[in-house]
């Protein structure tokens, strides 16, 4: 009898040329307080968050962490600003972290971007994150 080769996995649909038309990364935002400050995470409940913003009230800094295999720079793209950020290995295995002062205007750009912002990092899938209030809550908490 002849054995059929399995069909190849379907290729993902190509992304639109304009990042503002890319589909959102699956998940939703959650917000909570923790001993160091406040924390907003984006992702699905079944997995490690795709993105976390954590305020360190002692230093008035926000740690922006994402899942990633290597500590290559990440680029944040909003409707008003595009900026590359240096990262360090994160405190959780498999993550990298960029640290911003709570006063950094990039945080407002992320919170008020028209519907979404994108985080690009070489070798990682782009994160297309909705601009929800949790971003601004952490930022305002950190400013005191």
N, C-alpha and C. Protein backbone atom coordinates (compact mmCIF):
# COMPACT_ATOMS: atom_id res chain seq x y z
N UNK A 1 0.83 -1.19 0.00
CA UNK A 1 0.00 0.00 0.00
C UNK A 1 0.87 1.25 0.00
N UNK A 2 0.38 2.21 -0.67
CA UNK A 2 1.10 3.48 -0.78
C UNK A 2 0.77 4.38 0.42
N UNK A 3 1.81 4.98 1.00
CA UNK A 3 1.63 5.88 2.15
C UNK A 3 1.72 7.32 1.64
N UNK A 4 0.71 8.08 1.97
CA UNK A 4 0.68 9.49 1.56
C UNK A 4 1.56 10.31 2.49
N UNK A 5 2.32 11.20 1.93
CA UNK A 5 3.11 12.14 2.74
C UNK A 5 2.15 13.13 3.39
N UNK A 6 2.44 13.52 4.64
CA UNK A 6 1.54 14.49 5.27
C UNK A 6 1.58 15.82 4.51
N UNK A 7 0.45 16.47 4.50
CA UNK A 7 0.38 17.77 3.84
C UNK A 7 1.24 18.77 4.60
N UNK A 8 1.92 19.67 3.90
CA UNK A 8 2.73 20.66 4.61
C UNK A 8 1.83 21.59 5.43
N UNK A 9 2.39 22.08 6.52
CA UNK A 9 1.63 23.01 7.37
C UNK A 9 1.35 24.27 6.57
N UNK A 10 0.17 24.84 6.75
CA UNK A 10 -0.12 26.07 6.01
C UNK A 10 0.81 27.19 6.45
N UNK A 11 1.20 28.00 5.51
CA UNK A 11 2.04 29.15 5.83
C UNK A 11 1.18 30.25 6.41
N UNK A 12 1.74 31.00 7.37
CA UNK A 12 0.95 32.12 7.89
C UNK A 12 0.72 33.14 6.78
N UNK A 13 -0.40 33.80 6.86
CA UNK A 13 -0.70 34.83 5.87
C UNK A 13 0.34 35.94 5.97
N UNK A 14 0.76 36.47 4.84
CA UNK A 14 1.74 37.56 4.91
C UNK A 14 1.13 38.78 5.60
N UNK A 15 1.99 39.51 6.31
CA UNK A 15 1.51 40.70 6.99
C UNK A 15 1.31 41.83 5.99
N UNK A 16 0.34 42.67 6.29
CA UNK A 16 0.10 43.84 5.45
C UNK A 16 1.33 44.74 5.49
N UNK A 17 1.51 45.55 4.49
CA UNK A 17 2.66 46.45 4.43
C UNK A 17 2.65 47.45 5.59
N UNK A 18 1.49 47.90 6.00
CA UNK A 18 1.36 48.88 7.08
C UNK A 18 1.14 48.15 8.40
N UNK A 19 2.03 48.34 9.37
CA UNK A 19 1.94 47.64 10.65
C UNK A 19 0.65 47.94 11.39
N UNK A 20 0.03 49.06 11.10
CA UNK A 20 -1.24 49.41 11.77
C UNK A 20 -2.38 48.49 11.33
N UNK A 21 -2.15 47.69 10.29
CA UNK A 21 -3.15 46.72 9.83
C UNK A 21 -2.83 45.30 10.26
N UNK A 22 -1.72 45.09 10.96
CA UNK A 22 -1.36 43.75 11.40
C UNK A 22 -2.33 43.27 12.48
N UNK A 23 -2.61 41.98 12.52
CA UNK A 23 -3.50 41.46 13.57
C UNK A 23 -2.82 41.53 14.93
N UNK A 24 -3.63 41.73 15.96
CA UNK A 24 -3.12 41.78 17.33
C UNK A 24 -2.52 40.45 17.75
N UNK A 25 -1.52 40.51 18.58
CA UNK A 25 -1.01 39.32 19.26
C UNK A 25 -2.13 38.84 20.18
N UNK A 26 -2.41 37.54 20.25
CA UNK A 26 -3.50 37.06 21.11
C UNK A 26 -3.24 37.39 22.58
N UNK A 27 -4.30 37.79 23.25
CA UNK A 27 -4.20 38.03 24.69
C UNK A 27 -4.95 39.28 25.10
N UNK A 28 -4.78 39.62 26.36
CA UNK A 28 -5.38 40.83 26.91
C UNK A 28 -4.48 41.35 28.03
N UNK A 29 -4.74 42.57 28.45
CA UNK A 29 -3.97 43.20 29.51
C UNK A 29 -4.55 42.85 30.88
N UNK A 30 -3.66 42.69 31.85
CA UNK A 30 -4.06 42.59 33.25
C UNK A 30 -3.20 43.56 34.04
N UNK A 31 -3.73 44.06 35.15
CA UNK A 31 -3.04 45.03 35.99
C UNK A 31 -3.11 44.55 37.43
N UNK A 32 -2.02 44.73 38.14
CA UNK A 32 -2.04 44.41 39.58
C UNK A 32 -0.92 45.17 40.28
N UNK A 33 -1.06 45.29 41.58
CA UNK A 33 -0.01 45.88 42.41
C UNK A 33 0.88 44.75 42.91
N UNK A 34 2.15 45.04 43.09
CA UNK A 34 3.03 44.08 43.73
C UNK A 34 3.94 44.85 44.69
N UNK A 35 4.77 44.16 45.48
CA UNK A 35 5.56 44.86 46.50
C UNK A 35 6.48 45.96 45.96
N UNK A 36 6.93 45.84 44.71
CA UNK A 36 7.83 46.86 44.14
C UNK A 36 7.10 48.02 43.50
N UNK A 37 5.84 47.84 43.17
CA UNK A 37 5.08 48.87 42.47
C UNK A 37 3.88 48.25 41.79
N UNK A 38 3.60 48.68 40.56
CA UNK A 38 2.48 48.09 39.83
C UNK A 38 3.01 47.36 38.61
N UNK A 39 2.14 46.50 38.08
CA UNK A 39 2.55 45.61 37.02
C UNK A 39 1.39 45.44 36.04
N UNK A 40 1.68 45.60 34.75
CA UNK A 40 0.70 45.32 33.70
C UNK A 40 1.31 44.27 32.79
N UNK A 41 0.54 43.23 32.50
CA UNK A 41 1.01 42.14 31.64
C UNK A 41 0.04 41.96 30.50
N UNK A 42 0.60 41.63 29.34
CA UNK A 42 -0.22 41.33 28.18
C UNK A 42 0.08 39.92 27.71
N UNK A 43 -0.96 39.15 27.49
CA UNK A 43 -0.79 37.80 26.97
C UNK A 43 -2.02 36.96 27.26
N UNK A 44 -1.85 35.66 27.11
CA UNK A 44 -2.92 34.72 27.40
C UNK A 44 -2.67 34.11 28.77
N UNK A 45 -3.70 33.66 29.41
CA UNK A 45 -3.56 33.08 30.75
C UNK A 45 -2.79 31.78 30.73
N UNK A 46 -2.77 31.09 29.62
CA UNK A 46 -2.15 29.78 29.54
C UNK A 46 -0.63 29.84 29.39
N UNK A 47 -0.08 31.00 29.12
CA UNK A 47 1.35 31.09 28.84
C UNK A 47 1.99 32.25 29.60
N UNK A 48 3.30 32.27 29.58
CA UNK A 48 4.03 33.40 30.13
C UNK A 48 3.61 34.65 29.36
N UNK A 49 3.46 35.79 30.04
CA UNK A 49 3.04 37.00 29.31
C UNK A 49 3.99 37.31 28.16
N UNK A 50 3.42 37.80 27.07
CA UNK A 50 4.23 38.21 25.92
C UNK A 50 4.94 39.52 26.22
N UNK A 51 4.33 40.36 27.06
CA UNK A 51 4.87 41.67 27.40
C UNK A 51 4.48 42.04 28.82
N UNK A 52 5.43 42.60 29.56
CA UNK A 52 5.17 43.06 30.93
C UNK A 52 5.78 44.44 31.12
N UNK A 53 5.01 45.33 31.75
CA UNK A 53 5.52 46.63 32.19
C UNK A 53 5.45 46.62 33.71
N UNK A 54 6.59 46.81 34.35
CA UNK A 54 6.62 46.79 35.81
C UNK A 54 7.29 48.05 36.33
N UNK A 55 6.60 48.72 37.26
CA UNK A 55 7.13 49.92 37.88
C UNK A 55 7.97 49.53 39.09
N UNK A 56 9.15 50.09 39.17
CA UNK A 56 9.98 49.99 40.38
C UNK A 56 9.87 51.36 41.05
N UNK A 57 9.01 51.47 42.07
CA UNK A 57 8.76 52.77 42.69
C UNK A 57 10.01 53.33 43.37
N UNK A 58 10.92 52.46 43.82
CA UNK A 58 12.15 52.92 44.46
C UNK A 58 13.05 53.71 43.53
N UNK A 59 13.11 53.30 42.27
CA UNK A 59 13.99 53.97 41.30
C UNK A 59 13.21 54.83 40.31
N UNK A 60 11.87 54.76 40.35
CA UNK A 60 11.01 55.46 39.39
C UNK A 60 11.35 55.06 37.96
N UNK A 61 11.55 53.76 37.78
CA UNK A 61 11.84 53.22 36.45
C UNK A 61 10.80 52.18 36.10
N UNK A 62 10.59 52.02 34.79
CA UNK A 62 9.67 51.00 34.30
C UNK A 62 10.49 49.99 33.51
N UNK A 63 10.31 48.73 33.87
CA UNK A 63 10.98 47.63 33.21
C UNK A 63 10.00 47.03 32.20
N UNK A 64 10.38 47.07 30.95
CA UNK A 64 9.57 46.56 29.85
C UNK A 64 10.19 45.23 29.44
N UNK A 65 9.47 44.12 29.68
CA UNK A 65 10.01 42.79 29.40
C UNK A 65 9.16 42.06 28.38
N UNK A 66 9.83 41.28 27.55
CA UNK A 66 9.13 40.44 26.57
C UNK A 66 9.82 39.09 26.49
N UNK A 67 9.10 38.11 25.98
CA UNK A 67 9.72 36.81 25.75
C UNK A 67 10.67 36.94 24.58
N UNK A 68 11.86 36.38 24.73
CA UNK A 68 12.86 36.43 23.66
C UNK A 68 13.98 35.47 23.99
N UNK A 69 14.60 34.94 22.94
CA UNK A 69 15.69 33.99 23.12
C UNK A 69 17.05 34.68 23.23
N UNK A 70 17.18 35.89 22.69
CA UNK A 70 18.47 36.58 22.70
C UNK A 70 18.28 38.05 23.06
N UNK A 71 19.30 38.62 23.66
CA UNK A 71 19.25 40.01 24.11
C UNK A 71 19.65 40.97 22.99
N UNK A 72 18.92 40.92 21.87
CA UNK A 72 19.13 41.87 20.79
C UNK A 72 18.20 43.06 21.01
N UNK A 73 18.56 44.25 20.52
CA UNK A 73 17.71 45.42 20.75
C UNK A 73 16.28 45.19 20.27
N UNK A 74 15.34 45.80 20.99
CA UNK A 74 13.94 45.76 20.55
C UNK A 74 13.56 47.14 20.05
N UNK A 75 12.72 47.17 19.05
CA UNK A 75 12.24 48.43 18.49
C UNK A 75 10.76 48.57 18.82
N UNK A 76 10.41 49.69 19.43
CA UNK A 76 9.02 50.01 19.74
C UNK A 76 8.53 50.96 18.65
N UNK A 77 7.41 50.61 18.04
CA UNK A 77 6.84 51.43 16.97
C UNK A 77 5.42 51.83 17.38
N UNK A 78 5.19 53.14 17.51
CA UNK A 78 3.86 53.67 17.84
C UNK A 78 3.42 54.57 16.70
N UNK A 79 2.22 55.11 16.80
CA UNK A 79 1.75 56.00 15.73
C UNK A 79 2.52 57.32 15.71
N UNK A 80 3.27 57.65 16.78
CA UNK A 80 4.00 58.92 16.80
C UNK A 80 5.51 58.78 16.97
N UNK A 81 6.00 57.63 17.43
CA UNK A 81 7.43 57.46 17.74
C UNK A 81 7.87 56.06 17.35
N UNK A 82 9.10 55.96 16.85
CA UNK A 82 9.76 54.66 16.67
C UNK A 82 11.12 54.78 17.33
N UNK A 83 11.42 53.84 18.24
CA UNK A 83 12.70 53.91 18.95
C UNK A 83 13.23 52.52 19.25
N UNK A 84 14.54 52.34 19.06
CA UNK A 84 15.21 51.09 19.43
C UNK A 84 15.66 51.21 20.89
N UNK A 85 15.50 50.12 21.63
CA UNK A 85 15.91 50.07 23.04
C UNK A 85 16.90 48.94 23.26
N UNK A 86 17.94 49.23 24.01
CA UNK A 86 18.87 48.18 24.42
C UNK A 86 18.17 47.32 25.48
N UNK A 87 18.47 46.04 25.50
CA UNK A 87 17.86 45.13 26.47
C UNK A 87 18.95 44.35 27.19
N UNK A 88 18.55 43.82 28.33
CA UNK A 88 19.39 42.92 29.13
C UNK A 88 18.60 41.63 29.30
N UNK A 89 19.27 40.52 29.61
CA UNK A 89 18.50 39.31 29.94
C UNK A 89 17.56 39.63 31.11
N UNK A 90 16.33 39.14 31.02
CA UNK A 90 15.34 39.42 32.05
C UNK A 90 15.52 38.56 33.28
N UNK A 91 14.79 38.91 34.33
CA UNK A 91 14.86 38.15 35.59
C UNK A 91 14.16 36.80 35.46
N UNK A 92 13.27 36.66 34.49
CA UNK A 92 12.60 35.39 34.21
C UNK A 92 13.30 34.75 33.01
N UNK A 93 13.68 33.47 33.11
CA UNK A 93 14.34 32.83 31.96
C UNK A 93 13.49 32.96 30.69
N UNK A 94 14.17 33.21 29.56
CA UNK A 94 13.48 33.34 28.29
C UNK A 94 12.89 34.71 28.05
N UNK A 95 13.31 35.72 28.84
CA UNK A 95 12.83 37.08 28.65
C UNK A 95 14.00 38.05 28.53
N UNK A 96 13.73 39.20 27.95
CA UNK A 96 14.67 40.32 27.93
C UNK A 96 13.94 41.54 28.47
N UNK A 97 14.72 42.50 29.01
CA UNK A 97 14.13 43.67 29.64
C UNK A 97 14.84 44.94 29.22
N UNK A 98 14.06 45.95 28.88
CA UNK A 98 14.55 47.31 28.66
C UNK A 98 14.05 48.14 29.84
N UNK A 99 14.87 49.06 30.32
CA UNK A 99 14.49 49.89 31.46
C UNK A 99 14.39 51.34 31.01
N UNK A 100 13.26 51.97 31.36
CA UNK A 100 13.00 53.36 30.99
C UNK A 100 12.67 54.17 32.25
N UNK A 101 13.09 55.43 32.31
CA UNK A 101 12.61 56.27 33.40
C UNK A 101 11.11 56.48 33.24
N UNK A 102 10.40 56.61 34.34
CA UNK A 102 8.94 56.77 34.27
C UNK A 102 8.54 58.02 33.50
N UNK A 103 9.44 58.97 33.37
CA UNK A 103 9.14 60.21 32.64
C UNK A 103 9.37 60.09 31.14
N UNK A 104 9.82 58.96 30.65
CA UNK A 104 10.15 58.80 29.23
C UNK A 104 8.89 58.97 28.38
N UNK A 105 8.92 59.88 27.38
CA UNK A 105 7.74 60.09 26.54
C UNK A 105 7.34 58.87 25.70
N UNK A 106 8.24 57.91 25.54
CA UNK A 106 7.88 56.69 24.80
C UNK A 106 6.72 55.97 25.47
N UNK A 107 6.64 56.05 26.78
CA UNK A 107 5.55 55.38 27.51
C UNK A 107 4.20 55.98 27.13
N UNK A 108 4.12 57.31 27.03
CA UNK A 108 2.87 57.94 26.56
C UNK A 108 2.57 57.54 25.13
N UNK A 109 3.61 57.51 24.31
CA UNK A 109 3.41 57.13 22.91
C UNK A 109 2.82 55.73 22.81
N UNK A 110 3.26 54.81 23.68
CA UNK A 110 2.71 53.46 23.68
C UNK A 110 1.26 53.47 24.15
N UNK A 111 0.99 54.20 25.21
CA UNK A 111 -0.36 54.23 25.79
C UNK A 111 -1.38 54.93 24.92
N UNK A 112 -0.93 55.88 24.13
CA UNK A 112 -1.86 56.65 23.32
C UNK A 112 -1.72 56.40 21.82
N UNK A 113 -0.95 55.38 21.44
CA UNK A 113 -0.82 55.05 20.03
C UNK A 113 -2.20 54.70 19.48
N UNK A 114 -2.43 54.96 18.24
CA UNK A 114 -3.76 54.74 17.65
C UNK A 114 -4.13 53.27 17.58
N UNK A 115 -4.61 52.76 18.70
CA UNK A 115 -5.13 51.40 18.74
C UNK A 115 -4.11 50.32 19.04
N UNK A 116 -2.86 50.52 18.65
CA UNK A 116 -1.86 49.47 18.81
C UNK A 116 -0.46 50.05 18.72
N UNK A 117 0.49 49.28 19.21
CA UNK A 117 1.90 49.55 18.96
C UNK A 117 2.58 48.21 18.71
N UNK A 118 3.77 48.25 18.15
CA UNK A 118 4.47 47.03 17.76
C UNK A 118 5.82 46.99 18.44
N UNK A 119 6.21 45.79 18.86
CA UNK A 119 7.55 45.56 19.37
C UNK A 119 8.21 44.55 18.44
N UNK A 120 9.26 45.01 17.78
CA UNK A 120 10.04 44.16 16.87
C UNK A 120 11.36 43.83 17.53
N UNK A 121 11.79 42.60 17.33
CA UNK A 121 13.10 42.18 17.83
C UNK A 121 13.60 41.09 16.90
N UNK A 122 14.84 41.22 16.47
CA UNK A 122 15.42 40.27 15.53
C UNK A 122 15.29 38.84 16.06
N UNK A 123 14.80 37.95 15.19
CA UNK A 123 14.68 36.54 15.54
C UNK A 123 13.44 36.20 16.35
N UNK A 124 12.58 37.18 16.62
CA UNK A 124 11.36 36.96 17.41
C UNK A 124 10.15 37.42 16.60
N UNK A 125 9.00 36.82 16.85
CA UNK A 125 7.80 37.33 16.17
C UNK A 125 7.48 38.74 16.67
N UNK A 126 6.97 39.57 15.80
CA UNK A 126 6.55 40.91 16.20
C UNK A 126 5.39 40.79 17.19
N UNK A 127 5.40 41.62 18.20
CA UNK A 127 4.27 41.71 19.13
C UNK A 127 3.43 42.91 18.71
N UNK A 128 2.16 42.69 18.45
CA UNK A 128 1.23 43.76 18.09
C UNK A 128 0.29 43.89 19.28
N UNK A 129 0.50 44.95 20.05
CA UNK A 129 -0.13 45.09 21.36
C UNK A 129 -1.16 46.21 21.34
N UNK A 130 -2.37 45.97 21.86
CA UNK A 130 -3.36 47.04 21.92
C UNK A 130 -2.96 48.10 22.96
N UNK A 131 -3.24 49.35 22.65
CA UNK A 131 -2.94 50.47 23.55
C UNK A 131 -4.10 50.63 24.52
N UNK A 132 -4.04 49.92 25.63
CA UNK A 132 -5.08 49.98 26.64
C UNK A 132 -4.61 50.81 27.83
N UNK A 133 -5.52 51.11 28.74
CA UNK A 133 -5.26 51.98 29.88
C UNK A 133 -4.22 51.43 30.85
N UNK A 134 -3.98 50.12 30.86
CA UNK A 134 -3.03 49.54 31.81
C UNK A 134 -1.63 50.12 31.65
N UNK A 135 -1.25 50.47 30.44
CA UNK A 135 0.07 51.07 30.20
C UNK A 135 0.18 52.39 30.96
N UNK A 136 -0.82 53.22 30.83
CA UNK A 136 -0.81 54.52 31.51
C UNK A 136 -0.97 54.38 33.02
N UNK A 137 -1.69 53.38 33.48
CA UNK A 137 -1.82 53.17 34.93
C UNK A 137 -0.46 52.90 35.56
N UNK A 138 0.33 52.02 34.95
CA UNK A 138 1.65 51.71 35.48
C UNK A 138 2.53 52.96 35.41
N UNK A 139 2.49 53.67 34.29
CA UNK A 139 3.32 54.87 34.13
C UNK A 139 2.97 55.90 35.20
N UNK A 140 1.69 56.19 35.40
CA UNK A 140 1.29 57.17 36.40
C UNK A 140 1.63 56.71 37.81
N UNK A 141 1.43 55.42 38.10
CA UNK A 141 1.80 54.90 39.42
C UNK A 141 3.29 55.14 39.70
N UNK A 142 4.10 54.97 38.68
CA UNK A 142 5.54 55.07 38.84
C UNK A 142 6.01 56.51 38.99
N UNK A 143 5.25 57.42 38.47
CA UNK A 143 5.62 58.84 38.60
C UNK A 143 5.28 59.38 39.97
N UNK A 144 4.42 58.65 40.68
CA UNK A 144 4.08 59.05 42.05
C UNK A 144 3.16 60.17 42.08
